[in-house]
C-alpha cells in the first residue's frame, strides 16, 4: 500500500498534528478502500479558508475543512485523490466550544474530509447517516470518542 501525503503547513500555529498523526488518520480511512493514493493536506489561516469557502461554496466565512477531489479524465490513470484544506484556528475553536480534545477533533476533520474525497456526502439524511456511521467506526477504531455524541450524554468517571 502506498500513500503519498504532501502536508503543507502555511500557518504558524501551536499544537498542529505531526506528519505521523496525519499518516495514521489517512491510512485508517484509505487502507480498507484504496491500495494507493496521493493527496495534499494544507493547514491554513482563517483568511485563506474564508477566501476558498467563498470562491467554491459561496459562503463568506472560514470553515473547518474543505475537500477538493481530483477529477480524473477517464483516459488517465492516477492515484491522485485530491486536496484537504483545514483551517487550524477554526479547528481549535470548535474543539474548545464542543468540549473535545484537540487531537480527536483534528482526526475527525481529516477523516471527514477524506470521506468527501472518496465521494461520500451529507446532503440528505440517508447520506449523512451513512457517512457519520463510517466516520464513527474509523475514529473509534483509532481510540477516539464518537464525534457526534452529545458530550452531556457521556458518563464521567472520577
Protein backbone atom coordinates (compact mmCIF):
# COMPACT_ATOMS: atom_id res chain seq x y z
CA UNK A 1 0.00 0.00 0.00
CA UNK A 2 1.36 3.34 -0.99
CA UNK A 3 0.09 6.66 0.27
CA UNK A 4 1.83 9.89 -0.61
CA UNK A 5 0.74 12.74 1.62
CA UNK A 6 2.00 16.26 0.99
CA UNK A 7 1.43 18.18 4.23
CA UNK A 8 1.57 21.94 3.76
CA UNK A 9 1.59 23.98 6.95
CA UNK A 10 1.15 27.54 5.71
CA UNK A 11 0.19 28.89 9.12
CA UNK A 12 2.38 29.05 12.19
CA UNK A 13 0.16 27.63 14.90
CA UNK A 14 0.66 25.75 18.13
CA UNK A 15 -0.37 22.15 18.57
CA UNK A 16 -0.63 21.12 14.92
CA UNK A 17 -0.68 17.36 14.37
CA UNK A 18 2.58 15.69 13.40
CA UNK A 19 3.18 14.15 9.98
CA UNK A 20 2.90 10.74 11.66
CA UNK A 21 -0.52 11.56 13.15
CA UNK A 22 -1.79 12.71 9.77
CA UNK A 23 -0.46 9.49 8.19
CA UNK A 24 -2.17 7.28 10.79
CA UNK A 25 -5.51 9.04 10.27
CA UNK A 26 -5.23 8.94 6.47
CA UNK A 27 -4.33 5.25 6.44
CA UNK A 28 -7.23 4.40 8.76
CA UNK A 29 -9.59 5.79 6.13
CA UNK A 30 -7.85 4.66 2.95
CA UNK A 31 -6.41 1.19 3.69
CA UNK A 32 -9.77 -0.60 3.52
CA UNK A 33 -10.78 1.40 0.44
CA UNK A 34 -7.79 2.17 -1.80
CA UNK A 35 -4.48 0.39 -2.39
CA UNK A 36 -2.70 3.65 -3.23
CA UNK A 37 -3.41 7.35 -3.13
CA UNK A 38 -1.78 10.76 -3.33
CA UNK A 39 -3.22 13.75 -1.53
CA UNK A 40 -2.42 17.16 -0.15
CA UNK A 41 -3.33 18.28 3.35
CA UNK A 42 -2.97 22.05 3.59
CA UNK A 43 -3.22 23.71 7.02
CA UNK A 44 -4.33 27.31 6.58
CA UNK A 45 -5.35 30.55 8.26
CA UNK A 46 -8.89 31.85 8.61
CA UNK A 47 -8.26 34.28 5.75
CA UNK A 48 -7.30 31.57 3.27
CA UNK A 49 -10.13 29.30 4.41
CA UNK A 50 -12.65 32.13 4.06
CA UNK A 51 -11.43 33.04 0.57
CA UNK A 52 -11.66 29.42 -0.61
CA UNK A 53 -15.02 28.87 1.07
CA UNK A 54 -16.40 31.98 -0.64
CA UNK A 55 -14.98 31.08 -4.05
CA UNK A 56 -16.02 27.42 -4.09
CA UNK A 57 -19.08 27.27 -1.82
CA UNK A 58 -20.40 30.84 -1.87
CA UNK A 59 -20.04 31.13 1.91
CA UNK A 60 -18.20 34.20 3.19
CA UNK A 61 -16.70 32.71 6.37
CA UNK A 62 -13.86 30.40 7.29
CA UNK A 63 -14.73 26.72 7.72
CA UNK A 64 -13.08 23.74 9.37
CA UNK A 65 -12.30 21.58 6.34
CA UNK A 66 -12.73 21.87 2.59
CA UNK A 67 -12.32 18.89 0.27
CA UNK A 68 -11.26 19.25 -3.33
CA UNK A 69 -11.46 15.88 -5.11
CA UNK A 70 -9.26 15.43 -8.15
CA UNK A 71 -11.48 14.75 -11.12
CA UNK A 72 -9.59 12.35 -13.34
CA UNK A 73 -10.34 12.21 -17.04
CA UNK A 74 -11.47 8.68 -17.98
CA UNK A 75 -8.37 8.11 -20.11
CA UNK A 76 -5.91 8.95 -17.31
CA UNK A 77 -4.90 6.55 -14.57
CA UNK A 78 -3.69 8.24 -11.42
CA UNK A 79 -3.66 7.73 -7.67
CA UNK A 80 -4.27 11.45 -7.08
CA UNK A 81 -7.22 11.66 -4.70
CA UNK A 82 -7.36 15.42 -4.09
CA UNK A 83 -6.70 18.12 -1.53
CA UNK A 84 -7.90 18.79 2.00
CA UNK A 85 -7.71 22.37 3.27
CA UNK A 86 -8.03 22.53 7.05
CA UNK A 87 -8.30 25.82 8.93
CA UNK A 88 -6.26 25.47 12.14
CA UNK A 89 -7.90 28.36 14.08
CA UNK A 90 -11.40 27.07 13.31
CA UNK A 91 -10.49 23.51 14.35
CA UNK A 92 -9.02 24.76 17.64
CA UNK A 93 -12.04 26.96 18.40
CA UNK A 94 -14.51 24.18 17.57
CA UNK A 95 -12.68 21.72 19.82
CA UNK A 96 -12.88 24.23 22.68
CA UNK A 97 -16.53 25.09 22.00
CA UNK A 98 -17.55 21.43 21.74
CA UNK A 99 -15.53 20.23 24.71
CA UNK A 100 -13.46 17.84 22.57
CA UNK A 101 -9.78 17.06 22.72
CA UNK A 102 -7.82 18.83 20.03
CA UNK A 103 -6.34 15.56 18.73
CA UNK A 104 -9.80 13.99 18.44
CA UNK A 105 -11.14 16.98 16.52
CA UNK A 106 -8.14 17.13 14.17
CA UNK A 107 -8.56 13.41 13.48
CA UNK A 108 -12.26 13.95 12.82
CA UNK A 109 -11.57 16.76 10.33
CA UNK A 110 -9.09 14.59 8.42
CA UNK A 111 -11.46 11.60 8.39
CA UNK A 112 -14.45 13.77 7.41
CA UNK A 113 -12.54 15.48 4.62
CA UNK A 114 -11.23 12.19 3.27
CA UNK A 115 -14.72 10.72 3.22
CA UNK A 116 -15.71 13.62 0.95
CA UNK A 117 -12.70 12.93 -1.30
CA UNK A 118 -13.91 9.32 -1.55
CA UNK A 119 -17.32 10.52 -2.73
CA UNK A 120 -19.34 10.42 0.48
CA UNK A 121 -21.59 13.35 1.31
CA UNK A 122 -24.23 14.51 3.78
CA UNK A 123 -26.69 16.39 1.59
CA UNK A 124 -29.64 14.34 2.86
CA UNK A 125 -30.42 12.32 5.99
CA UNK A 126 -29.61 8.95 4.39
CA UNK A 127 -26.22 10.12 3.10
CA UNK A 128 -25.44 11.81 6.41
CA UNK A 129 -26.27 8.67 8.39
CA UNK A 130 -24.02 6.52 6.19
CA UNK A 131 -21.12 8.98 6.28
CA UNK A 132 -21.39 9.57 10.03
CA UNK A 133 -21.54 5.82 10.71
CA UNK A 134 -18.30 5.28 8.78
CA UNK A 135 -16.61 8.25 10.47
CA UNK A 136 -17.57 6.97 13.93
CA UNK A 137 -16.33 3.47 13.04
CA UNK A 138 -12.96 4.82 11.86
CA UNK A 139 -12.48 7.26 14.74
CA UNK A 140 -13.46 4.81 17.48
CA UNK A 141 -11.13 2.29 15.83
CA UNK A 142 -8.37 4.87 16.33
CA UNK A 143 -9.32 5.20 20.01
CA UNK A 144 -11.22 8.48 19.73
CA UNK A 145 -14.75 9.02 21.04
CA UNK A 146 -17.79 9.31 18.78
CA UNK A 147 -17.54 12.89 17.44
CA UNK A 148 -21.31 13.09 17.03
CA UNK A 149 -22.18 12.04 20.57
CA UNK A 150 -23.67 14.69 22.81
CA UNK A 151 -20.97 15.43 25.44
CA UNK A 152 -23.68 15.67 28.11
CA UNK A 153 -24.62 12.03 27.37
CA UNK A 154 -21.12 10.76 28.12
CA UNK A 155 -20.72 9.29 31.58
CA UNK A 156 -17.88 10.85 33.51
CA UNK A 157 -15.90 8.78 35.94
CA UNK A 158 -13.80 10.41 38.63
